[in-house]
Amino acid sequence: MNFKKLSLISVAALFSFAVFYAANSAPRNESGIIEETSPVNTEVSVGLNIGNKAPEMEYNTPEGKTVKLSSLKGKIVLIDFWASWCPPCRMENPNLVKSYEHFKDAAFKSGKGFTVYSVSLDQDKNGWIGAIKSDKLSWESHVSDLKGWRSDAARLYEVEAIPSNFLIDGNGIILAKNLRGSALDTKLSKLLK
């Protein structure tokens, strides 16, 4: 018997064993019928990669009200890290306002409506409030711990430069990162029902 023939016989034997083992190890009820099993772990892990569940955050608004990220569950949310003193952030704000106005009431495949969870890396509360008003950031969720670059949220999300953002679905799953300009509108359009 040559080596090639022996290899084919070995592969066939292994395949037969695998099929036999799978058929005989499946859970059966009293009648011997194979029952469907549930997946071992269907929970999505918390992390910062696309497909992960976004880490929970809970910070104060300028008025002192605490807003949790999870309070926006059910909506498509852009977690936006910015600051009033950051020129690129301020230049990006008109794009965010336009996207918010266009998509805030839209029906998406994985969420109803769109909003922004703005996380400010400001230390000056008056500067932060002034920028919100000046840039007409009309969504409700503006939060900060007023620690600047020592922000707990920035550390949690490993933000090293701003503007920086994470787009999450209605279940808090990260869909995309660092969408700027028309890229945000393009992504949101693809998520519509």
N, C-alpha and C. Protein backbone atom coordinates (compact mmCIF):
# COMPACT_ATOMS: atom_id res chain seq x y z
N MET A 1 0.85 -1.18 0.00
CA MET A 1 0.00 0.00 0.00
C MET A 1 0.90 1.24 0.00
N ASN A 2 0.63 2.17 -0.88
CA ASN A 2 1.49 3.34 -0.93
C ASN A 2 1.03 4.40 0.07
N PHE A 3 1.88 5.38 0.30
CA PHE A 3 1.66 6.43 1.32
C PHE A 3 0.42 7.27 1.02
N LYS A 4 0.19 7.60 -0.26
CA LYS A 4 -0.95 8.43 -0.65
C LYS A 4 -2.26 7.73 -0.31
N LYS A 5 -2.35 6.43 -0.61
CA LYS A 5 -3.54 5.65 -0.35
C LYS A 5 -3.78 5.55 1.15
N LEU A 6 -2.71 5.36 1.91
CA LEU A 6 -2.80 5.26 3.37
C LEU A 6 -3.31 6.58 3.96
N SER A 7 -2.86 7.70 3.43
CA SER A 7 -3.30 9.01 3.90
C SER A 7 -4.79 9.19 3.65
N LEU A 8 -5.28 8.80 2.48
CA LEU A 8 -6.70 8.93 2.16
C LEU A 8 -7.55 8.06 3.08
N ILE A 9 -7.08 6.88 3.38
CA ILE A 9 -7.80 5.97 4.28
C ILE A 9 -7.84 6.57 5.68
N SER A 10 -6.73 7.17 6.12
CA SER A 10 -6.66 7.79 7.44
C SER A 10 -7.64 8.96 7.55
N VAL A 11 -7.67 9.79 6.52
CA VAL A 11 -8.58 10.94 6.51
C VAL A 11 -10.03 10.46 6.55
N ALA A 12 -10.35 9.44 5.75
CA ALA A 12 -11.71 8.90 5.71
C ALA A 12 -12.09 8.32 7.08
N ALA A 13 -11.18 7.63 7.73
CA ALA A 13 -11.45 7.06 9.04
C ALA A 13 -11.69 8.15 10.08
N LEU A 14 -10.86 9.19 10.04
CA LEU A 14 -11.04 10.31 10.98
C LEU A 14 -12.39 11.01 10.76
N PHE A 15 -12.76 11.21 9.50
CA PHE A 15 -14.02 11.85 9.18
C PHE A 15 -15.18 11.00 9.70
N SER A 16 -15.12 9.69 9.46
CA SER A 16 -16.19 8.78 9.93
C SER A 16 -16.31 8.84 11.44
N PHE A 17 -15.19 8.83 12.14
CA PHE A 17 -15.20 8.91 13.60
C PHE A 17 -15.83 10.22 14.07
N ALA A 18 -15.48 11.34 13.43
CA ALA A 18 -16.03 12.65 13.81
C ALA A 18 -17.54 12.67 13.63
N VAL A 19 -18.03 12.14 12.51
CA VAL A 19 -19.47 12.10 12.26
C VAL A 19 -20.15 11.20 13.29
N PHE A 20 -19.59 10.04 13.57
CA PHE A 20 -20.15 9.12 14.56
C PHE A 20 -20.18 9.77 15.93
N TYR A 21 -19.09 10.41 16.32
CA TYR A 21 -19.01 11.05 17.64
C TYR A 21 -20.04 12.18 17.77
N ALA A 22 -20.15 13.01 16.75
CA ALA A 22 -21.10 14.13 16.78
C ALA A 22 -22.54 13.62 16.88
N ALA A 23 -22.85 12.58 16.14
CA ALA A 23 -24.21 12.04 16.15
C ALA A 23 -24.56 11.39 17.49
N ASN A 24 -23.58 10.77 18.12
CA ASN A 24 -23.85 10.05 19.35
C ASN A 24 -23.63 10.87 20.62
N SER A 25 -23.04 12.05 20.49
CA SER A 25 -22.81 12.86 21.69
C SER A 25 -23.84 13.99 21.84
N ALA A 26 -24.70 14.17 20.84
CA ALA A 26 -25.72 15.21 20.93
C ALA A 26 -26.73 14.85 22.02
N PRO A 27 -27.20 15.83 22.79
CA PRO A 27 -28.16 15.53 23.86
C PRO A 27 -29.48 15.03 23.28
N ARG A 28 -30.02 14.01 23.92
CA ARG A 28 -31.28 13.40 23.46
C ARG A 28 -32.27 13.39 24.62
N ASN A 29 -33.56 13.43 24.27
CA ASN A 29 -34.58 13.31 25.31
C ASN A 29 -34.86 11.83 25.56
N GLU A 30 -35.88 11.53 26.38
CA GLU A 30 -36.16 10.12 26.72
C GLU A 30 -36.50 9.26 25.51
N SER A 31 -37.05 9.87 24.47
CA SER A 31 -37.43 9.12 23.27
C SER A 31 -36.25 8.92 22.32
N GLY A 32 -35.09 9.46 22.68
CA GLY A 32 -33.91 9.31 21.83
C GLY A 32 -33.80 10.37 20.75
N ILE A 33 -34.66 11.38 20.80
CA ILE A 33 -34.63 12.45 19.79
C ILE A 33 -33.61 13.50 20.22
N ILE A 34 -32.79 13.91 19.27
CA ILE A 34 -31.77 14.92 19.55
C ILE A 34 -32.46 16.25 19.86
N GLU A 35 -32.05 16.88 20.97
CA GLU A 35 -32.61 18.16 21.36
C GLU A 35 -31.65 19.28 21.00
N GLU A 36 -32.25 20.43 20.71
CA GLU A 36 -31.47 21.61 20.39
C GLU A 36 -30.86 22.15 21.68
N THR A 37 -29.62 22.56 21.62
CA THR A 37 -28.99 23.13 22.81
C THR A 37 -28.79 24.62 22.60
N SER A 38 -28.79 25.36 23.69
CA SER A 38 -28.57 26.80 23.58
C SER A 38 -27.08 27.07 23.55
N PRO A 39 -26.66 28.17 22.93
CA PRO A 39 -25.24 28.49 22.88
C PRO A 39 -24.69 28.68 24.29
N VAL A 40 -23.43 28.34 24.46
CA VAL A 40 -22.81 28.43 25.77
C VAL A 40 -22.74 29.87 26.26
N ASN A 41 -22.27 30.79 25.40
CA ASN A 41 -22.12 32.18 25.82
C ASN A 41 -22.53 33.10 24.69
N THR A 42 -23.71 33.74 24.86
CA THR A 42 -24.19 34.64 23.83
C THR A 42 -23.94 36.09 24.21
N GLU A 43 -23.32 36.32 25.34
CA GLU A 43 -23.07 37.68 25.81
C GLU A 43 -21.89 38.30 25.08
N VAL A 44 -22.06 39.55 24.69
CA VAL A 44 -21.00 40.28 23.99
C VAL A 44 -20.08 40.89 25.04
N SER A 45 -18.78 40.80 24.81
CA SER A 45 -17.85 41.34 25.80
C SER A 45 -17.75 42.86 25.70
N VAL A 46 -17.52 43.47 26.85
CA VAL A 46 -17.35 44.92 26.92
C VAL A 46 -15.93 45.24 26.45
N GLY A 47 -15.81 46.24 25.57
CA GLY A 47 -14.50 46.61 25.06
C GLY A 47 -14.60 47.81 24.15
N LEU A 48 -13.54 48.09 23.44
CA LEU A 48 -13.47 49.27 22.58
C LEU A 48 -13.36 48.94 21.10
N ASN A 49 -13.46 47.66 20.76
CA ASN A 49 -13.38 47.25 19.36
C ASN A 49 -14.77 47.20 18.75
N ILE A 50 -14.84 47.30 17.44
CA ILE A 50 -16.11 47.17 16.74
C ILE A 50 -16.66 45.77 17.05
N GLY A 51 -17.93 45.73 17.45
CA GLY A 51 -18.56 44.47 17.85
C GLY A 51 -18.62 44.29 19.36
N ASN A 52 -17.83 45.06 20.11
CA ASN A 52 -17.88 45.02 21.57
C ASN A 52 -19.00 45.89 22.09
N LYS A 53 -19.42 45.61 23.31
CA LYS A 53 -20.37 46.49 24.00
C LYS A 53 -19.57 47.65 24.58
N ALA A 54 -20.03 48.86 24.32
CA ALA A 54 -19.33 50.06 24.81
C ALA A 54 -19.37 50.10 26.34
N PRO A 55 -18.25 50.44 26.97
CA PRO A 55 -18.24 50.54 28.43
C PRO A 55 -19.23 51.60 28.94
N GLU A 56 -19.84 51.30 30.05
CA GLU A 56 -20.80 52.24 30.67
C GLU A 56 -20.07 53.47 31.17
N MET A 57 -20.74 54.61 31.07
CA MET A 57 -20.23 55.88 31.60
C MET A 57 -21.38 56.57 32.32
N GLU A 58 -21.02 57.39 33.28
CA GLU A 58 -22.02 58.14 34.04
C GLU A 58 -21.37 59.43 34.54
N TYR A 59 -21.74 60.54 33.91
CA TYR A 59 -21.14 61.83 34.28
C TYR A 59 -22.22 62.90 34.35
N ASN A 60 -21.82 64.06 34.84
CA ASN A 60 -22.77 65.15 35.06
C ASN A 60 -22.88 66.09 33.88
N THR A 61 -24.09 66.64 33.72
CA THR A 61 -24.36 67.68 32.74
C THR A 61 -23.90 69.01 33.34
N PRO A 62 -23.91 70.09 32.57
CA PRO A 62 -23.56 71.40 33.14
C PRO A 62 -24.48 71.81 34.30
N GLU A 63 -25.71 71.28 34.29
CA GLU A 63 -26.66 71.59 35.36
C GLU A 63 -26.50 70.69 36.58
N GLY A 64 -25.59 69.72 36.50
CA GLY A 64 -25.34 68.83 37.64
C GLY A 64 -26.16 67.55 37.63
N LYS A 65 -26.92 67.31 36.58
CA LYS A 65 -27.70 66.08 36.46
C LYS A 65 -26.81 64.96 35.94
N THR A 66 -26.90 63.78 36.54
CA THR A 66 -26.12 62.63 36.10
C THR A 66 -26.81 61.94 34.92
N VAL A 67 -26.04 61.67 33.87
CA VAL A 67 -26.59 60.97 32.70
C VAL A 67 -25.72 59.75 32.41
N LYS A 68 -26.34 58.58 32.44
CA LYS A 68 -25.65 57.34 32.09
C LYS A 68 -25.74 57.14 30.58
N LEU A 69 -24.70 56.58 30.00
CA LEU A 69 -24.73 56.23 28.58
C LEU A 69 -25.88 55.25 28.33
N SER A 70 -26.07 54.30 29.23
CA SER A 70 -27.11 53.29 29.05
C SER A 70 -28.53 53.86 29.09
N SER A 71 -28.69 55.10 29.57
CA SER A 71 -30.02 55.71 29.57
C SER A 71 -30.48 56.03 28.15
N LEU A 72 -29.58 55.95 27.18
CA LEU A 72 -29.91 56.22 25.78
C LEU A 72 -30.17 54.94 25.00
N LYS A 73 -30.23 53.81 25.72
CA LYS A 73 -30.46 52.51 25.08
C LYS A 73 -31.68 52.57 24.17
N GLY A 74 -31.58 51.93 23.03
CA GLY A 74 -32.66 51.92 22.05
C GLY A 74 -32.40 52.88 20.91
N LYS A 75 -31.48 53.83 21.09
CA LYS A 75 -31.14 54.79 20.04
C LYS A 75 -29.75 54.49 19.49
N ILE A 76 -29.51 54.94 18.28
CA ILE A 76 -28.16 54.96 17.74
C ILE A 76 -27.49 56.17 18.40
N VAL A 77 -26.32 55.97 18.98
CA VAL A 77 -25.66 57.03 19.75
C VAL A 77 -24.23 57.23 19.26
N LEU A 78 -23.87 58.49 19.06
CA LEU A 78 -22.48 58.83 18.79
C LEU A 78 -21.88 59.33 20.10
N ILE A 79 -20.93 58.58 20.65
CA ILE A 79 -20.19 59.02 21.83
C ILE A 79 -19.08 59.91 21.31
N ASP A 80 -19.19 61.20 21.59
CA ASP A 80 -18.28 62.17 21.00
C ASP A 80 -17.40 62.81 22.07
N PHE A 81 -16.09 62.59 21.98
CA PHE A 81 -15.12 63.22 22.89
C PHE A 81 -14.62 64.49 22.23
N TRP A 82 -14.73 65.62 22.94
CA TRP A 82 -14.39 66.92 22.39
C TRP A 82 -14.05 67.86 23.53
N ALA A 83 -13.74 69.12 23.20
CA ALA A 83 -13.53 70.16 24.21
C ALA A 83 -13.72 71.52 23.55
N SER A 84 -14.09 72.50 24.35
CA SER A 84 -14.32 73.86 23.83
C SER A 84 -13.03 74.49 23.31
N TRP A 85 -11.88 74.09 23.86
CA TRP A 85 -10.59 74.68 23.49
C TRP A 85 -9.94 73.98 22.28
N CYS A 86 -10.62 73.00 21.71
CA CYS A 86 -10.06 72.18 20.63
C CYS A 86 -10.57 72.67 19.27
N PRO A 87 -9.74 73.40 18.47
CA PRO A 87 -10.20 73.90 17.16
C PRO A 87 -10.74 72.81 16.22
N PRO A 88 -10.07 71.64 16.07
CA PRO A 88 -10.64 70.62 15.18
C PRO A 88 -12.02 70.13 15.66
N CYS A 89 -12.22 70.10 16.98
CA CYS A 89 -13.52 69.68 17.52
C CYS A 89 -14.59 70.70 17.14
N ARG A 90 -14.25 71.96 17.31
CA ARG A 90 -15.21 73.03 17.02
C ARG A 90 -15.52 73.08 15.52
N MET A 91 -14.54 72.75 14.70
CA MET A 91 -14.77 72.71 13.25
C MET A 91 -15.67 71.53 12.87
N GLU A 92 -15.61 70.46 13.64
CA GLU A 92 -16.43 69.27 13.37
C GLU A 92 -17.87 69.44 13.86
N ASN A 93 -18.08 70.30 14.85
CA ASN A 93 -19.41 70.45 15.45
C ASN A 93 -20.53 70.76 14.45
N PRO A 94 -20.33 71.62 13.45
CA PRO A 94 -21.42 71.85 12.47
C PRO A 94 -21.85 70.57 11.76
N ASN A 95 -20.89 69.66 11.49
CA ASN A 95 -21.24 68.37 10.87
C ASN A 95 -22.10 67.54 11.81
N LEU A 96 -21.75 67.55 13.10
CA LEU A 96 -22.53 66.79 14.08
C LEU A 96 -23.94 67.34 14.20
N VAL A 97 -24.05 68.66 14.23
CA VAL A 97 -25.37 69.30 14.32
C VAL A 97 -26.22 68.91 13.12
N LYS A 98 -25.64 68.96 11.93
CA LYS A 98 -26.35 68.59 10.70
C LYS A 98 -26.81 67.13 10.76
N SER A 99 -25.93 66.23 11.17
CA SER A 99 -26.28 64.80 11.26
C SER A 99 -27.38 64.59 12.30
N TYR A 100 -27.24 65.24 13.44
CA TYR A 100 -28.24 65.11 14.49
C TYR A 100 -29.61 65.56 13.99
N GLU A 101 -29.68 66.72 13.39
CA GLU A 101 -30.96 67.25 12.90
C GLU A 101 -31.57 66.33 11.84
N HIS A 102 -30.74 65.77 10.99
CA HIS A 102 -31.23 64.92 9.90
C HIS A 102 -31.71 63.55 10.39
N PHE A 103 -31.01 62.96 11.37
CA PHE A 103 -31.28 61.57 11.76
C PHE A 103 -31.93 61.39 13.13
N LYS A 104 -32.17 62.46 13.89
CA LYS A 104 -32.63 62.30 15.28
C LYS A 104 -33.93 61.52 15.42
N ASP A 105 -34.80 61.58 14.42
CA ASP A 105 -36.08 60.86 14.50
C ASP A 105 -36.16 59.68 13.54
N ALA A 106 -35.05 59.30 12.97
CA ALA A 106 -35.03 58.23 11.96
C ALA A 106 -35.23 56.85 12.59
N ALA A 107 -35.74 55.93 11.79
CA ALA A 107 -35.88 54.53 12.20
C ALA A 107 -34.71 53.74 11.63
N PHE A 108 -33.96 53.12 12.52
CA PHE A 108 -32.80 52.34 12.12
C PHE A 108 -33.06 50.85 12.31
N LYS A 109 -32.25 50.02 11.69
CA LYS A 109 -32.37 48.57 11.86
C LYS A 109 -32.11 48.16 13.30
N SER A 110 -31.20 48.86 13.98
CA SER A 110 -30.83 48.46 15.34
C SER A 110 -30.99 49.61 16.34
N GLY A 111 -32.03 50.42 16.13
CA GLY A 111 -32.29 51.51 17.07
C GLY A 111 -33.31 52.47 16.49
N LYS A 112 -33.96 53.21 17.38
CA LYS A 112 -34.95 54.20 16.94
C LYS A 112 -34.45 55.58 17.32
N GLY A 113 -34.14 56.38 16.32
CA GLY A 113 -33.62 57.72 16.56
C GLY A 113 -32.11 57.73 16.72
N PHE A 114 -31.56 58.93 16.62
CA PHE A 114 -30.12 59.13 16.74
C PHE A 114 -29.87 60.28 17.70
N THR A 115 -28.85 60.14 18.55
CA THR A 115 -28.46 61.23 19.44
C THR A 115 -26.95 61.20 19.65
N VAL A 116 -26.49 62.19 20.37
CA VAL A 116 -25.07 62.32 20.67
C VAL A 116 -24.89 62.36 22.18
N TYR A 117 -23.92 61.61 22.66
CA TYR A 117 -23.51 61.65 24.07
C TYR A 117 -22.16 62.37 24.06
N SER A 118 -22.19 63.68 24.30
CA SER A 118 -20.99 64.51 24.21
C SER A 118 -20.21 64.47 25.50
N VAL A 119 -18.98 64.00 25.42
CA VAL A 119 -18.11 63.94 26.59
C VAL A 119 -17.03 65.01 26.42
N SER A 120 -17.11 66.05 27.26
CA SER A 120 -16.18 67.17 27.15
C SER A 120 -14.93 66.92 27.99
N LEU A 121 -13.79 67.25 27.41
CA LEU A 121 -12.52 67.20 28.13
C LEU A 121 -12.12 68.59 28.60
N ASP A 122 -13.12 69.40 28.89
CA ASP A 122 -12.88 70.74 29.42
C ASP A 122 -12.58 70.68 30.91
N GLN A 123 -11.91 71.74 31.39
CA GLN A 123 -11.74 71.96 32.82
C GLN A 123 -12.51 73.21 33.25
N ASP A 124 -12.74 74.09 32.28
CA ASP A 124 -13.45 75.34 32.53
C ASP A 124 -14.93 75.16 32.18
N LYS A 125 -15.76 75.13 33.21
CA LYS A 125 -17.19 74.89 33.01
C LYS A 125 -17.82 75.98 32.14
N ASN A 126 -17.45 77.24 32.34
CA ASN A 126 -18.02 78.34 31.56
C ASN A 126 -17.66 78.23 30.08
N GLY A 127 -16.41 77.83 29.79
CA GLY A 127 -15.99 77.63 28.40
C GLY A 127 -16.79 76.51 27.75
N TRP A 128 -17.01 75.44 28.50
CA TRP A 128 -17.78 74.29 28.02
C TRP A 128 -19.21 74.71 27.69
N ILE A 129 -19.87 75.38 28.62
CA ILE A 129 -21.25 75.83 28.42
C ILE A 129 -21.33 76.81 27.25
N GLY A 130 -20.36 77.72 27.17
CA GLY A 130 -20.33 78.70 26.08
C GLY A 130 -20.23 78.04 24.72
N ALA A 131 -19.40 77.00 24.61
CA ALA A 131 -19.22 76.30 23.33
C ALA A 131 -20.48 75.54 22.94
N ILE A 132 -21.17 74.95 23.91
CA ILE A 132 -22.43 74.24 23.63
C ILE A 132 -23.43 75.21 23.01
N LYS A 133 -23.53 76.40 23.62
CA LYS A 133 -24.48 77.41 23.12
C LYS A 133 -24.03 77.98 21.78
N SER A 134 -22.77 78.35 21.69
CA SER A 134 -22.24 78.97 20.48
C SER A 134 -22.34 78.05 19.27
N ASP A 135 -22.05 76.77 19.47
CA ASP A 135 -22.06 75.81 18.36
C ASP A 135 -23.43 75.19 18.12
N LYS A 136 -24.42 75.59 18.93
CA LYS A 136 -25.81 75.12 18.79
C LYS A 136 -25.92 73.60 18.88
N LEU A 137 -25.26 73.04 19.91
CA LEU A 137 -25.29 71.59 20.14
C LEU A 137 -26.58 71.26 20.90
N SER A 138 -27.65 71.02 20.16
CA SER A 138 -28.99 70.97 20.73
C SER A 138 -29.40 69.64 21.38
N TRP A 139 -28.59 68.60 21.26
CA TRP A 139 -28.92 67.34 21.93
C TRP A 139 -28.76 67.53 23.45
N GLU A 140 -29.38 66.63 24.21
CA GLU A 140 -29.45 66.80 25.66
C GLU A 140 -28.25 66.28 26.44
N SER A 141 -27.58 65.28 25.93
CA SER A 141 -26.56 64.58 26.72
C SER A 141 -25.18 65.18 26.57
N HIS A 142 -24.92 66.23 27.33
CA HIS A 142 -23.59 66.85 27.42
C HIS A 142 -23.06 66.55 28.81
N VAL A 143 -21.92 65.84 28.89
CA VAL A 143 -21.39 65.44 30.19
C VAL A 143 -19.89 65.72 30.28
N SER A 144 -19.42 65.84 31.53
CA SER A 144 -17.99 66.03 31.77
C SER A 144 -17.71 65.85 33.25
N ASP A 145 -16.48 65.42 33.56
CA ASP A 145 -16.03 65.43 34.95
C ASP A 145 -15.10 66.62 35.19
N LEU A 146 -14.95 67.47 34.16
CA LEU A 146 -14.14 68.69 34.21
C LEU A 146 -12.70 68.44 34.67
N LYS A 147 -12.15 67.31 34.23
CA LYS A 147 -10.76 66.96 34.58
C LYS A 147 -9.81 67.11 33.39
N GLY A 148 -10.31 67.67 32.28
CA GLY A 148 -9.45 67.83 31.12
C GLY A 148 -8.92 66.50 30.62
N TRP A 149 -7.61 66.44 30.32
CA TRP A 149 -7.00 65.21 29.83
C TRP A 149 -6.93 64.12 30.88
N ARG A 150 -7.18 64.45 32.14
CA ARG A 150 -7.22 63.44 33.20
C ARG A 150 -8.64 62.86 33.35
N SER A 151 -9.49 63.16 32.39
CA SER A 151 -10.88 62.68 32.41
C SER A 151 -10.94 61.17 32.56
N ASP A 152 -11.78 60.72 33.48
CA ASP A 152 -11.97 59.28 33.67
C ASP A 152 -12.54 58.63 32.41
N ALA A 153 -13.44 59.35 31.74
CA ALA A 153 -14.05 58.82 30.51
C ALA A 153 -13.01 58.65 29.41
N ALA A 154 -12.12 59.63 29.27
CA ALA A 154 -11.07 59.54 28.24
C ALA A 154 -10.15 58.36 28.52
N ARG A 155 -9.84 58.13 29.79
CA ARG A 155 -9.01 56.98 30.15
C ARG A 155 -9.73 55.67 29.86
N LEU A 156 -11.02 55.61 30.24
CA LEU A 156 -11.82 54.40 30.02
C LEU A 156 -11.90 54.04 28.54
N TYR A 157 -12.02 55.05 27.68
CA TYR A 157 -12.15 54.83 26.24
C TYR A 157 -10.83 54.97 25.50
N GLU A 158 -9.74 55.11 26.25
CA GLU A 158 -8.39 55.19 25.67
C GLU A 158 -8.27 56.29 24.62
N VAL A 159 -8.88 57.44 24.91
CA VAL A 159 -8.85 58.58 24.00
C VAL A 159 -7.53 59.32 24.20
N GLU A 160 -6.77 59.44 23.12
CA GLU A 160 -5.48 60.12 23.17
C GLU A 160 -5.45 61.39 22.33
N ALA A 161 -6.50 61.58 21.52
CA ALA A 161 -6.61 62.78 20.68
C ALA A 161 -8.09 63.07 20.49
N ILE A 162 -8.41 64.35 20.34
CA ILE A 162 -9.80 64.73 20.07
C ILE A 162 -9.84 65.62 18.84
N PRO A 163 -10.95 65.60 18.08
CA PRO A 163 -12.17 64.84 18.34
C PRO A 163 -11.96 63.34 18.12
N SER A 164 -12.72 62.58 18.90
CA SER A 164 -12.70 61.13 18.81
C SER A 164 -14.12 60.66 19.09
N ASN A 165 -14.57 59.62 18.38
CA ASN A 165 -15.94 59.18 18.63
C ASN A 165 -16.13 57.69 18.38
N PHE A 166 -17.24 57.19 18.94
CA PHE A 166 -17.65 55.80 18.83
C PHE A 166 -19.14 55.80 18.49
N LEU A 167 -19.54 55.10 17.45
CA LEU A 167 -20.95 54.99 17.10
C LEU A 167 -21.46 53.66 17.62
N ILE A 168 -22.53 53.70 18.45
CA ILE A 168 -23.08 52.47 19.01
C ILE A 168 -24.54 52.30 18.60
N ASP A 169 -24.98 51.05 18.56
CA ASP A 169 -26.37 50.78 18.20
C ASP A 169 -27.28 50.83 19.42
N GLY A 170 -28.54 50.48 19.24
CA GLY A 170 -29.52 50.55 20.32
C GLY A 170 -29.24 49.64 21.49
N ASN A 171 -28.34 48.67 21.31
CA ASN A 171 -27.95 47.76 22.40
C ASN A 171 -26.57 48.10 22.96
N GLY A 172 -26.00 49.21 22.51
CA GLY A 172 -24.70 49.63 23.02
C GLY A 172 -23.51 48.97 22.35
N ILE A 173 -23.73 48.33 21.21
CA ILE A 173 -22.65 47.64 20.49
C ILE A 173 -21.95 48.64 19.57
N ILE A 174 -20.63 48.65 19.62
CA ILE A 174 -19.85 49.58 18.80
C ILE A 174 -19.92 49.17 17.33
N LEU A 175 -20.39 50.11 16.50
CA LEU A 175 -20.54 49.87 15.06
C LEU A 175 -19.41 50.47 14.25
N ALA A 176 -18.86 51.60 14.73
CA ALA A 176 -17.81 52.31 13.98
C ALA A 176 -17.10 53.26 14.93
N LYS A 177 -15.92 53.73 14.49
CA LYS A 177 -15.14 54.66 15.31
C LYS A 177 -14.62 55.79 14.43
N ASN A 178 -14.49 56.95 15.06
CA ASN A 178 -13.87 58.13 14.44
C ASN A 178 -14.44 58.49 13.08
N LEU A 179 -15.76 58.63 13.05
CA LEU A 179 -16.46 59.08 11.85
C LEU A 179 -16.50 60.59 11.85
N ARG A 180 -15.94 61.19 10.81
CA ARG A 180 -15.92 62.66 10.71
C ARG A 180 -16.48 63.10 9.38
N GLY A 181 -16.97 64.34 9.37
CA GLY A 181 -17.50 64.90 8.13
C GLY A 181 -18.64 64.07 7.60
N SER A 182 -18.64 63.82 6.30
CA SER A 182 -19.73 63.09 5.66
C SER A 182 -19.72 61.60 6.00
N ALA A 183 -18.63 61.09 6.58
CA ALA A 183 -18.54 59.66 6.92
C ALA A 183 -19.63 59.27 7.92
N LEU A 184 -19.98 60.17 8.83
CA LEU A 184 -21.03 59.87 9.81
C LEU A 184 -22.37 59.72 9.10
N ASP A 185 -22.71 60.66 8.22
CA ASP A 185 -23.97 60.57 7.47
C ASP A 185 -24.02 59.31 6.61
N THR A 186 -22.92 58.98 5.99
CA THR A 186 -22.86 57.79 5.14
C THR A 186 -23.15 56.54 5.96
N LYS A 187 -22.51 56.43 7.13
CA LYS A 187 -22.72 55.27 7.99
C LYS A 187 -24.15 55.22 8.50
N LEU A 188 -24.68 56.35 8.97
CA LEU A 188 -26.05 56.38 9.48
C LEU A 188 -27.05 56.01 8.39
N SER A 189 -26.82 56.46 7.17
CA SER A 189 -27.72 56.13 6.04
C SER A 189 -27.76 54.63 5.81
N LYS A 190 -26.62 53.95 5.96
CA LYS A 190 -26.55 52.51 5.76
C LYS A 190 -27.29 51.74 6.86
N LEU A 191 -27.49 52.38 8.01
CA LEU A 191 -28.15 51.72 9.14
C LEU A 191 -29.66 51.91 9.15
N LEU A 192 -30.18 52.73 8.23
CA LEU A 192 -31.62 53.00 8.19
C LEU A 192 -32.40 51.74 7.82
N LYS A 193 -33.64 51.66 8.30
CA LYS A 193 -34.52 50.53 7.95
C LYS A 193 -34.88 50.58 6.49
